[in-house]
Amino acid sequence: MSEELAHDGWRTIDELARASGVTVRNIRAYQARGLLPPPQVQARTGYYGPGHEARLELIKDLQDEGVKLDTIKKLLDTTGGSTEQVVHFIRTVRGLFGSEERQIVSLAELIERFQATDTAILKRGQKMGLLRELGDDQYEEVSPRLMNAAADLTGLGIPIERSLDVVEQMRKHADGIAKTYVDLFLGEIWQPFDASGRPSDQWPRVYETIEALRRISGEAMLAVLELAVSERLDVTFGRDIARNVKTPGAPPPGEKPAADADPDDTSSES
């Protein structure tokens, strides 16, 4: 290895494996799948730099969160980056919009919280990506806030099955909204920045824009939800009221109208 590469922290594949905790076999597999850039070759030996190690750390982190390798590759391909700056960018984006701090709970605790009579509910929670089984009757809550919301609904007397139905429907709608915001960011912010060569002095502005987009998207989501619920309530209750409103002189619901009476008939008067 040249003195310059050694000074800059470049390593052979064996040294990179020891430093990163990723096996040589997996490093080569990541290269074959396009997840890791090829090494710099000198004297028929490949050397890996800090950017490779940062990329490996990112891959490990995403895999720990349950992200599949194909999805990781798409994420890396989208940003098109091979630099440490792009890896840092992806980490920043995921930090702003990423998941909450996960919690470990026991099987007994979950059954008690959700008043579950069997483990079928837990299996559904796993399928929905809300729970991850760790073994020894231990589970990881991927989104404690969603799990707490489901528990609160259960506390109101709503069956957990119905609560999960609601969460599942919300997730489906949220996926479409998330795509809208991601496409907005990529098309209006990232792609022009990328096309300009990613000037170093513009990175702070990109991060500021991401933070602003996170704030705006949250406020807009809440406003849209409040407006939609208000309109839905108006329609639903308006229809219900219209069905039950009594016209003056009309008989109660279910009672036949009386025969027309002669307004001049006073025989019944005392």
C-alpha atoms as a PDB file:
ATOM      1  CA  MET A   1       0.000   0.000   0.000  1.00  0.00           C
ATOM      2  CA  SER A   2       1.263   3.460  -0.800  1.00  0.00           C
ATOM      3  CA  GLU A   3       2.123   5.751   2.104  1.00  0.00           C
ATOM      4  CA  GLU A   4      -0.573   8.205   0.956  1.00  0.00           C
ATOM      5  CA  LEU A   5      -3.357   5.584   1.033  1.00  0.00           C
ATOM      6  CA  ALA A   6      -2.208   4.291   4.418  1.00  0.00           C
ATOM      7  CA  HIS A   7      -2.264   7.800   5.837  1.00  0.00           C
ATOM      8  CA  ASP A   8      -5.773   8.438   4.509  1.00  0.00           C
ATOM      9  CA  GLY A   9      -7.194   5.386   6.270  1.00  0.00           C
ATOM     10  CA  TRP A  10      -7.439   3.015   3.316  1.00  0.00           C
ATOM     11  CA  ARG A  11      -7.581  -0.691   4.162  1.00  0.00           C
ATOM     12  CA  THR A  12      -7.442  -4.073   2.515  1.00  0.00           C
ATOM     13  CA  ILE A  13     -10.661  -6.064   2.475  1.00  0.00           C
ATOM     14  CA  ASP A  14      -9.522  -8.123   5.475  1.00  0.00           C
ATOM     15  CA  GLU A  15      -8.718  -4.975   7.455  1.00  0.00           C
ATOM     16  CA  LEU A  16     -12.049  -3.419   6.471  1.00  0.00           C
ATOM     17  CA  ALA A  17     -13.872  -6.559   7.607  1.00  0.00           C
ATOM     18  CA  ARG A  18     -12.217  -6.413  11.021  1.00  0.00           C
ATOM     19  CA  ALA A  19     -12.857  -2.668  11.423  1.00  0.00           C
ATOM     20  CA  SER A  20     -16.500  -2.756  10.300  1.00  0.00           C
ATOM     21  CA  GLY A  21     -17.627  -6.100  11.679  1.00  0.00           C
ATOM     22  CA  VAL A  22     -18.853  -7.122   8.213  1.00  0.00           C
ATOM     23  CA  THR A  23     -17.482 -10.379   6.841  1.00  0.00           C
ATOM     24  CA  VAL A  24     -15.288 -10.437   3.757  1.00  0.00           C
ATOM     25  CA  ARG A  25     -17.923 -12.557   2.070  1.00  0.00           C
ATOM     26  CA  ASN A  26     -20.643  -9.946   2.691  1.00  0.00           C
ATOM     27  CA  ILE A  27     -18.403  -7.086   1.579  1.00  0.00           C
ATOM     28  CA  ARG A  28     -17.854  -8.858  -1.732  1.00  0.00           C
ATOM     29  CA  ALA A  29     -21.583  -9.623  -1.976  1.00  0.00           C
ATOM     30  CA  TYR A  30     -22.418  -5.932  -1.436  1.00  0.00           C
ATOM     31  CA  GLN A  31     -19.994  -5.016  -4.210  1.00  0.00           C
ATOM     32  CA  ALA A  32     -21.554  -7.579  -6.555  1.00  0.00           C
ATOM     33  CA  ARG A  33     -25.027  -6.135  -5.876  1.00  0.00           C
ATOM     34  CA  GLY A  34     -23.884  -2.569  -6.442  1.00  0.00           C
ATOM     35  CA  LEU A  35     -24.275  -1.528  -2.797  1.00  0.00           C
ATOM     36  CA  LEU A  36     -20.579  -0.825  -2.312  1.00  0.00           C
ATOM     37  CA  PRO A  37     -18.284   0.972  -4.766  1.00  0.00           C
ATOM     38  CA  PRO A  38     -15.286  -1.013  -6.053  1.00  0.00           C
ATOM     39  CA  PRO A  39     -11.975  -0.588  -4.216  1.00  0.00           C
ATOM     40  CA  GLN A  40      -9.009   1.406  -5.449  1.00  0.00           C
ATOM     41  CA  VAL A  41      -6.531  -1.085  -6.894  1.00  0.00           C
ATOM     42  CA  GLN A  42      -2.781  -0.757  -6.433  1.00  0.00           C
ATOM     43  CA  ALA A  43      -0.303  -3.501  -7.210  1.00  0.00           C
ATOM     44  CA  ARG A  44      -3.218  -5.898  -7.811  1.00  0.00           C
ATOM     45  CA  THR A  45      -4.582  -5.278  -4.294  1.00  0.00           C
ATOM     46  CA  GLY A  46      -7.877  -3.537  -3.588  1.00  0.00           C
ATOM     47  CA  TYR A  47      -7.990  -0.819  -0.937  1.00  0.00           C
ATOM     48  CA  TYR A  48     -11.106   0.558   0.766  1.00  0.00           C
ATOM     49  CA  GLY A  49     -11.355   4.078   2.130  1.00  0.00           C
ATOM     50  CA  PRO A  50     -13.451   5.929   4.747  1.00  0.00           C
ATOM     51  CA  GLY A  51     -16.332   6.210   2.277  1.00  0.00           C
ATOM     52  CA  HIS A  52     -16.575   2.437   2.034  1.00  0.00           C
ATOM     53  CA  GLU A  53     -16.639   2.066   5.799  1.00  0.00           C
ATOM     54  CA  ALA A  54     -19.321   4.743   6.132  1.00  0.00           C
ATOM     55  CA  ARG A  55     -21.374   2.996   3.470  1.00  0.00           C
ATOM     56  CA  LEU A  56     -21.054  -0.338   5.310  1.00  0.00           C
ATOM     57  CA  GLU A  57     -22.198   1.272   8.568  1.00  0.00           C
ATOM     58  CA  LEU A  58     -25.240   2.699   6.802  1.00  0.00           C
ATOM     59  CA  ILE A  59     -26.103  -0.676   5.265  1.00  0.00           C
ATOM     60  CA  LYS A  60     -25.839  -2.349   8.672  1.00  0.00           C
ATOM     61  CA  ASP A  61     -28.027   0.282  10.314  1.00  0.00           C
ATOM     62  CA  LEU A  62     -30.718  -0.012   7.654  1.00  0.00           C
ATOM     63  CA  GLN A  63     -30.667  -3.808   7.808  1.00  0.00           C
ATOM     64  CA  ASP A  64     -31.038  -3.645  11.602  1.00  0.00           C
ATOM     65  CA  GLU A  65     -34.219  -1.633  11.001  1.00  0.00           C
ATOM     66  CA  GLY A  66     -35.560  -4.345   8.724  1.00  0.00           C
ATOM     67  CA  VAL A  67     -34.832  -2.614   5.408  1.00  0.00           C
ATOM     68  CA  LYS A  68     -34.130  -5.123   2.638  1.00  0.00           C
ATOM     69  CA  LEU A  69     -30.981  -4.942   0.536  1.00  0.00           C
ATOM     70  CA  ASP A  70     -32.934  -4.216  -2.650  1.00  0.00           C
ATOM     71  CA  THR A  71     -34.547  -1.219  -0.949  1.00  0.00           C
ATOM     72  CA  ILE A  72     -31.182  -0.024   0.369  1.00  0.00           C
ATOM     73  CA  LYS A  73     -29.764  -0.182  -3.145  1.00  0.00           C
ATOM     74  CA  LYS A  74     -32.666   1.885  -4.489  1.00  0.00           C
ATOM     75  CA  LEU A  75     -32.087   4.436  -1.739  1.00  0.00           C
ATOM     76  CA  LEU A  76     -28.400   4.703  -2.576  1.00  0.00           C
ATOM     77  CA  ASP A  77     -29.083   4.753  -6.318  1.00  0.00           C
ATOM     78  CA  THR A  78     -31.631   7.551  -5.865  1.00  0.00           C
ATOM     79  CA  THR A  79     -29.022   9.844  -4.355  1.00  0.00           C
ATOM     80  CA  GLY A  80     -26.442   8.487  -6.758  1.00  0.00           C
ATOM     81  CA  GLY A  81     -23.685   9.038  -4.260  1.00  0.00           C
ATOM     82  CA  SER A  82     -20.387   7.384  -3.562  1.00  0.00           C
ATOM     83  CA  THR A  83     -19.127   9.986  -1.100  1.00  0.00           C
ATOM     84  CA  GLU A  84     -19.281  10.166   2.679  1.00  0.00           C
ATOM     85  CA  GLN A  85     -21.318  13.352   2.301  1.00  0.00           C
ATOM     86  CA  VAL A  86     -24.148  11.457   0.601  1.00  0.00           C
ATOM     87  CA  VAL A  87     -24.087   8.775   3.298  1.00  0.00           C
ATOM     88  CA  HIS A  88     -24.327  11.545   5.890  1.00  0.00           C
ATOM     89  CA  PHE A  89     -27.185  13.070   3.898  1.00  0.00           C
ATOM     90  CA  ILE A  90     -29.166   9.802   3.941  1.00  0.00           C
ATOM     91  CA  ARG A  91     -28.610   9.479   7.683  1.00  0.00           C
ATOM     92  CA  THR A  92     -29.833  13.042   8.196  1.00  0.00           C
ATOM     93  CA  VAL A  93     -32.975  12.484   6.142  1.00  0.00           C
ATOM     94  CA  ARG A  94     -33.784   9.280   7.995  1.00  0.00           C
ATOM     95  CA  GLY A  95     -33.117  11.018  11.298  1.00  0.00           C
ATOM     96  CA  LEU A  96     -35.611  13.771  10.514  1.00  0.00           C
ATOM     97  CA  PHE A  97     -38.322  11.520   9.145  1.00  0.00           C
ATOM     98  CA  GLY A  98     -37.149   8.298  10.707  1.00  0.00           C
ATOM     99  CA  SER A  99     -38.727   5.983  13.173  1.00  0.00           C
ATOM    100  CA  GLU A 100     -39.003   6.542  16.904  1.00  0.00           C
ATOM    101  CA  GLU A 101     -36.815   5.012  19.537  1.00  0.00           C
ATOM    102  CA  ARG A 102     -37.946   1.410  19.710  1.00  0.00           C
ATOM    103  CA  GLN A 103     -38.952  -0.357  22.899  1.00  0.00           C
ATOM    104  CA  ILE A 104     -38.626  -3.949  24.040  1.00  0.00           C
ATOM    105  CA  VAL A 105     -41.731  -5.485  25.613  1.00  0.00           C
ATOM    106  CA  SER A 106     -42.651  -8.949  26.814  1.00  0.00           C
ATOM    107  CA  LEU A 107     -45.375 -11.186  25.440  1.00  0.00           C
ATOM    108  CA  ALA A 108     -47.232 -11.022  28.761  1.00  0.00           C
ATOM    109  CA  GLU A 109     -47.184  -7.223  28.711  1.00  0.00           C
ATOM    110  CA  LEU A 110     -48.574  -7.079  25.174  1.00  0.00           C
ATOM    111  CA  ILE A 111     -51.381  -9.512  25.981  1.00  0.00           C
ATOM    112  CA  GLU A 112     -52.320  -7.473  29.052  1.00  0.00           C
ATOM    113  CA  ARG A 113     -52.174  -4.099  27.295  1.00  0.00           C
ATOM    114  CA  PHE A 114     -54.293  -5.174  24.361  1.00  0.00           C
ATOM    115  CA  GLN A 115     -56.531  -7.614  26.207  1.00  0.00           C
ATOM    116  CA  ALA A 116     -55.625 -10.268  23.641  1.00  0.00           C
ATOM    117  CA  THR A 117     -56.917 -13.780  24.150  1.00  0.00           C
ATOM    118  CA  ASP A 118     -54.434 -15.376  21.751  1.00  0.00           C
ATOM    119  CA  THR A 119     -51.274 -14.589  19.804  1.00  0.00           C
ATOM    120  CA  ALA A 120     -53.058 -14.046  16.479  1.00  0.00           C
ATOM    121  CA  ILE A 121     -53.142 -10.308  17.169  1.00  0.00           C
ATOM    122  CA  LEU A 122     -49.394 -10.304  17.725  1.00  0.00           C
ATOM    123  CA  LYS A 123     -48.849 -12.110  14.427  1.00  0.00           C
ATOM    124  CA  ARG A 124     -50.920  -9.454  12.690  1.00  0.00           C
ATOM    125  CA  GLY A 125     -48.889  -6.722  14.398  1.00  0.00           C
ATOM    126  CA  GLN A 126     -45.727  -8.350  13.050  1.00  0.00           C
ATOM    127  CA  LYS A 127     -47.181  -8.577   9.548  1.00  0.00           C
ATOM    128  CA  MET A 128     -48.080  -4.877   9.680  1.00  0.00           C
ATOM    129  CA  GLY A 129     -44.522  -3.999  10.706  1.00  0.00           C
ATOM    130  CA  LEU A 130     -45.512  -2.765  14.171  1.00  0.00           C
ATOM    131  CA  LEU A 131     -43.814  -5.565  16.084  1.00  0.00           C
ATOM    132  CA  ARG A 132     -40.657  -7.608  15.604  1.00  0.00           C
ATOM    133  CA  GLU A 133     -40.223 -10.905  17.437  1.00  0.00           C
ATOM    134  CA  LEU A 134     -36.884 -11.197  19.226  1.00  0.00           C
ATOM    135  CA  GLY A 135     -37.291 -14.622  20.805  1.00  0.00           C
ATOM    136  CA  ASP A 136     -37.766 -15.723  24.420  1.00  0.00           C
ATOM    137  CA  ASP A 137     -41.230 -14.081  24.428  1.00  0.00           C
ATOM    138  CA  GLN A 138     -39.687 -10.669  23.779  1.00  0.00           C
ATOM    139  CA  TYR A 139     -40.904  -8.238  21.096  1.00  0.00           C
ATOM    140  CA  GLU A 140     -39.631  -4.955  19.727  1.00  0.00           C
ATOM    141  CA  GLU A 141     -42.177  -2.188  19.200  1.00  0.00           C
ATOM    142  CA  VAL A 142     -41.191  -0.592  15.901  1.00  0.00           C
ATOM    143  CA  SER A 143     -43.519   2.381  16.521  1.00  0.00           C
ATOM    144  CA  PRO A 144     -44.308   2.796  20.231  1.00  0.00           C
ATOM    145  CA  ARG A 145     -46.580   5.773  19.461  1.00  0.00           C
ATOM    146  CA  LEU A 146     -48.789   3.702  17.170  1.00  0.00           C
ATOM    147  CA  MET A 147     -48.829   0.860  19.680  1.00  0.00           C
ATOM    148  CA  ASN A 148     -49.810   3.283  22.448  1.00  0.00           C
ATOM    149  CA  ALA A 149     -52.573   4.703  20.262  1.00  0.00           C
ATOM    150  CA  ALA A 150     -53.924   1.198  19.679  1.00  0.00           C
ATOM    151  CA  ALA A 151     -53.773   0.534  23.426  1.00  0.00           C
ATOM    152  CA  ASP A 152     -55.667   3.784  24.134  1.00  0.00           C
ATOM    153  CA  LEU A 153     -58.404   2.735  21.694  1.00  0.00           C
ATOM    154  CA  THR A 154     -58.607  -0.603  23.463  1.00  0.00           C
ATOM    155  CA  GLY A 155     -59.011   1.271  26.736  1.00  0.00           C
ATOM    156  CA  LEU A 156     -62.047   3.024  25.246  1.00  0.00           C
ATOM    157  CA  GLY A 157     -63.679  -0.346  24.707  1.00  0.00           C
ATOM    158  CA  ILE A 158     -62.772  -0.646  21.023  1.00  0.00           C
ATOM    159  CA  PRO A 159     -61.576  -4.187  20.174  1.00  0.00           C
ATOM    160  CA  ILE A 160     -57.900  -4.409  19.268  1.00  0.00           C
ATOM    161  CA  GLU A 161     -58.846  -6.050  15.958  1.00  0.00           C
ATOM    162  CA  ARG A 162     -60.783  -2.920  14.989  1.00  0.00           C
ATOM    163  CA  SER A 163     -57.951  -0.675  16.174  1.00  0.00           C
ATOM    164  CA  LEU A 164     -55.504  -2.515  13.933  1.00  0.00           C
ATOM    165  CA  ASP A 165     -57.950  -2.167  11.036  1.00  0.00           C
ATOM    166  CA  VAL A 166     -57.821   1.598  11.516  1.00  0.00           C
ATOM    167  CA  VAL A 167     -54.010   1.664  11.728  1.00  0.00           C
ATOM    168  CA  GLU A 168     -53.748  -0.486   8.601  1.00  0.00           C
ATOM    169  CA  GLN A 169     -56.009   1.835   6.618  1.00  0.00           C
ATOM    170  CA  MET A 170     -54.112   4.899   7.829  1.00  0.00           C
ATOM    171  CA  ARG A 171     -50.819   3.331   6.782  1.00  0.00           C
ATOM    172  CA  LYS A 172     -52.132   2.735   3.272  1.00  0.00           C
ATOM    173  CA  HIS A 173     -53.166   6.365   2.906  1.00  0.00           C
ATOM    174  CA  ALA A 174     -49.944   7.582   4.541  1.00  0.00           C
ATOM    175  CA  ASP A 175     -47.798   5.691   2.040  1.00  0.00           C
ATOM    176  CA  GLY A 176     -49.319   7.706  -0.800  1.00  0.00           C
ATOM    177  CA  ILE A 177     -48.825  10.980   1.063  1.00  0.00           C
ATOM    178  CA  ALA A 178     -45.228  10.066   1.888  1.00  0.00           C
ATOM    179  CA  LYS A 179     -44.528   9.349  -1.783  1.00  0.00           C
ATOM    180  CA  THR A 180     -45.929  12.779  -2.678  1.00  0.00           C
ATOM    181  CA  TYR A 181     -43.539  14.549  -0.296  1.00  0.00           C
ATOM    182  CA  VAL A 182     -40.517  12.428  -1.253  1.00  0.00           C
ATOM    183  CA  ASP A 183     -41.172  13.046  -4.957  1.00  0.00           C
ATOM    184  CA  LEU A 184     -41.504  16.758  -4.188  1.00  0.00           C
ATOM    185  CA  PHE A 185     -38.154  16.821  -2.417  1.00  0.00           C
ATOM    186  CA  LEU A 186     -36.360  14.771  -5.059  1.00  0.00           C
ATOM    187  CA  GLY A 187     -37.772  16.731  -7.990  1.00  0.00           C
ATOM    188  CA  GLU A 188     -37.543  20.253  -6.629  1.00  0.00           C
ATOM    189  CA  ILE A 189     -34.606  20.140  -4.212  1.00  0.00           C
ATOM    190  CA  TRP A 190     -32.324  17.151  -4.665  1.00  0.00           C
ATOM    191  CA  GLN A 191     -32.202  16.767  -8.447  1.00  0.00           C
ATOM    192  CA  PRO A 192     -31.331  20.448  -9.168  1.00  0.00           C
ATOM    193  CA  PHE A 193     -28.700  20.296  -6.410  1.00  0.00           C
ATOM    194  CA  ASP A 194     -27.319  17.037  -7.830  1.00  0.00           C
ATOM    195  CA  ALA A 195     -27.307  18.414 -11.389  1.00  0.00           C
ATOM    196  CA  SER A 196     -25.286  21.432 -10.235  1.00  0.00           C
ATOM    197  CA  GLY A 197     -22.538  19.121  -8.974  1.00  0.00           C
ATOM    198  CA  ARG A 198     -23.552  19.226  -5.307  1.00  0.00           C
ATOM    199  CA  PRO A 199     -21.527  22.332  -4.431  1.00  0.00           C
ATOM    200  CA  SER A 200     -20.177  22.051  -0.906  1.00  0.00           C
ATOM    201  CA  ASP A 201     -21.464  25.460   0.137  1.00  0.00           C
ATOM    202  CA  GLN A 202     -25.046  24.410  -0.711  1.00  0.00           C
ATOM    203  CA  TRP A 203     -25.220  21.372   1.595  1.00  0.00           C
ATOM    204  CA  PRO A 204     -26.373  23.458   4.605  1.00  0.00           C
ATOM    205  CA  ARG A 205     -29.253  24.830   2.549  1.00  0.00           C
ATOM    206  CA  VAL A 206     -30.276  21.286   1.551  1.00  0.00           C
ATOM    207  CA  TYR A 207     -30.389  20.245   5.221  1.00  0.00           C
ATOM    208  CA  GLU A 208     -32.360  23.366   6.136  1.00  0.00           C
ATOM    209  CA  THR A 209     -34.849  22.583   3.370  1.00  0.00           C
ATOM    210  CA  ILE A 210     -35.278  19.020   4.639  1.00  0.00           C
ATOM    211  CA  GLU A 211     -35.991  20.287   8.158  1.00  0.00           C
ATOM    212  CA  ALA A 212     -38.475  22.856   6.825  1.00  0.00           C
ATOM    213  CA  LEU A 213     -40.183  20.219   4.687  1.00  0.00           C
ATOM    214  CA  ARG A 214     -40.520  17.946   7.708  1.00  0.00           C
ATOM    215  CA  ARG A 215     -42.198  20.733   9.690  1.00  0.00           C
ATOM    216  CA  ILE A 216     -44.445  21.834   6.834  1.00  0.00           C
ATOM    217  CA  SER A 217     -45.482  18.290   5.986  1.00  0.00           C
ATOM    218  CA  GLY A 218     -46.485  17.616   9.589  1.00  0.00           C
ATOM    219  CA  GLU A 219     -48.533  20.804   9.840  1.00  0.00           C
ATOM    220  CA  ALA A 220     -50.186  20.194   6.457  1.00  0.00           C
ATOM    221  CA  MET A 221     -51.036  16.599   7.344  1.00  0.00           C
ATOM    222  CA  LEU A 222     -52.745  17.669  10.559  1.00  0.00           C
ATOM    223  CA  ALA A 223     -54.627  20.489   8.804  1.00  0.00           C
ATOM    224  CA  VAL A 224     -55.805  18.210   5.996  1.00  0.00           C
ATOM    225  CA  LEU A 225     -56.933  15.580   8.503  1.00  0.00           C
ATOM    226  CA  GLU A 226     -58.866  18.108  10.593  1.00  0.00           C
ATOM    227  CA  LEU A 227     -60.549  19.538   7.486  1.00  0.00           C
ATOM    228  CA  ALA A 228     -61.460  16.108   6.131  1.00  0.00           C
ATOM    229  CA  VAL A 229     -62.861  14.897   9.466  1.00  0.00           C
ATOM    230  CA  SER A 230     -64.893  18.089   9.868  1.00  0.00           C
ATOM    231  CA  GLU A 231     -66.384  17.742   6.410  1.00  0.00           C
ATOM    232  CA  ARG A 232     -67.071  14.042   6.931  1.00  0.00           C
ATOM    233  CA  LEU A 233     -68.835  14.730  10.218  1.00  0.00           C
ATOM    234  CA  ASP A 234     -70.955  17.438   8.591  1.00  0.00           C
ATOM    235  CA  VAL A 235     -72.032  15.051   5.841  1.00  0.00           C
ATOM    236  CA  THR A 236     -72.611  12.068   8.111  1.00  0.00           C
ATOM    237  CA  PHE A 237     -74.503  13.840  10.876  1.00  0.00           C
ATOM    238  CA  GLY A 238     -76.367  16.038   8.403  1.00  0.00           C
ATOM    239  CA  ARG A 239     -77.658  12.956   6.643  1.00  0.00           C
ATOM    240  CA  ASP A 240     -78.626  11.335   9.940  1.00  0.00           C
ATOM    241  CA  ILE A 241     -80.445  14.451  11.125  1.00  0.00           C
ATOM    242  CA  ALA A 242     -82.284  14.754   7.809  1.00  0.00           C
ATOM    243  CA  ARG A 243     -83.529  11.189   8.141  1.00  0.00           C
ATOM    244  CA  ASN A 244     -84.884  11.747  11.617  1.00  0.00           C
ATOM    245  CA  VAL A 245     -86.184  15.291  11.442  1.00  0.00           C
ATOM    246  CA  LYS A 246     -89.956  15.636  12.044  1.00  0.00           C
ATOM    247  CA  THR A 247     -92.050  17.669   9.675  1.00  0.00           C
ATOM    248  CA  PRO A 248     -94.668  19.772  11.543  1.00  0.00           C
ATOM    249  CA  GLY A 249     -97.882  17.733  11.836  1.00  0.00           C
ATOM    250  CA  ALA A 250     -96.173  14.531  10.670  1.00  0.00           C
ATOM    251  CA  PRO A 251     -96.749  11.332  12.686  1.00  0.00           C
ATOM    252  CA  PRO A 252     -93.896   9.732  14.592  1.00  0.00           C
ATOM    253  CA  PRO A 253     -91.747   7.306  12.578  1.00  0.00           C
ATOM    254  CA  GLY A 254     -93.621   4.012  12.008  1.00  0.00           C
ATOM    255  CA  GLU A 255     -97.095   5.405  12.732  1.00  0.00           C
ATOM    256  CA  LYS A 256     -99.616   5.646   9.900  1.00  0.00           C
ATOM    257  CA  PRO A 257    -101.093   9.080   9.222  1.00  0.00           C
ATOM    258  CA  ALA A 258    -104.652   9.560  10.508  1.00  0.00           C
ATOM    259  CA  ALA A 259    -107.581   9.850   8.068  1.00  0.00           C
ATOM    260  CA  ASP A 260    -108.344  13.395   6.940  1.00  0.00           C
ATOM    261  CA  ALA A 261    -110.732  15.016   9.416  1.00  0.00           C
ATOM    262  CA  ASP A 262    -113.495  17.517   8.634  1.00  0.00           C
ATOM    263  CA  PRO A 263    -112.318  20.843  10.014  1.00  0.00           C
ATOM    264  CA  ASP A 264    -115.969  21.835  10.704  1.00  0.00           C
ATOM    265  CA  ASP A 265    -116.744  18.631  12.634  1.00  0.00           C
ATOM    266  CA  THR A 266    -117.214  19.606  16.302  1.00  0.00           C
ATOM    267  CA  SER A 267    -118.913  16.441  17.445  1.00  0.00           C
ATOM    268  CA  SER A 268    -115.986  15.473  19.523  1.00  0.00           C
ATOM    269  CA  GLU A 269    -115.852  18.759  21.339  1.00  0.00           C
ATOM    270  CA  SER A 270    -117.244  18.822  24.833  1.00  0.00           C
END
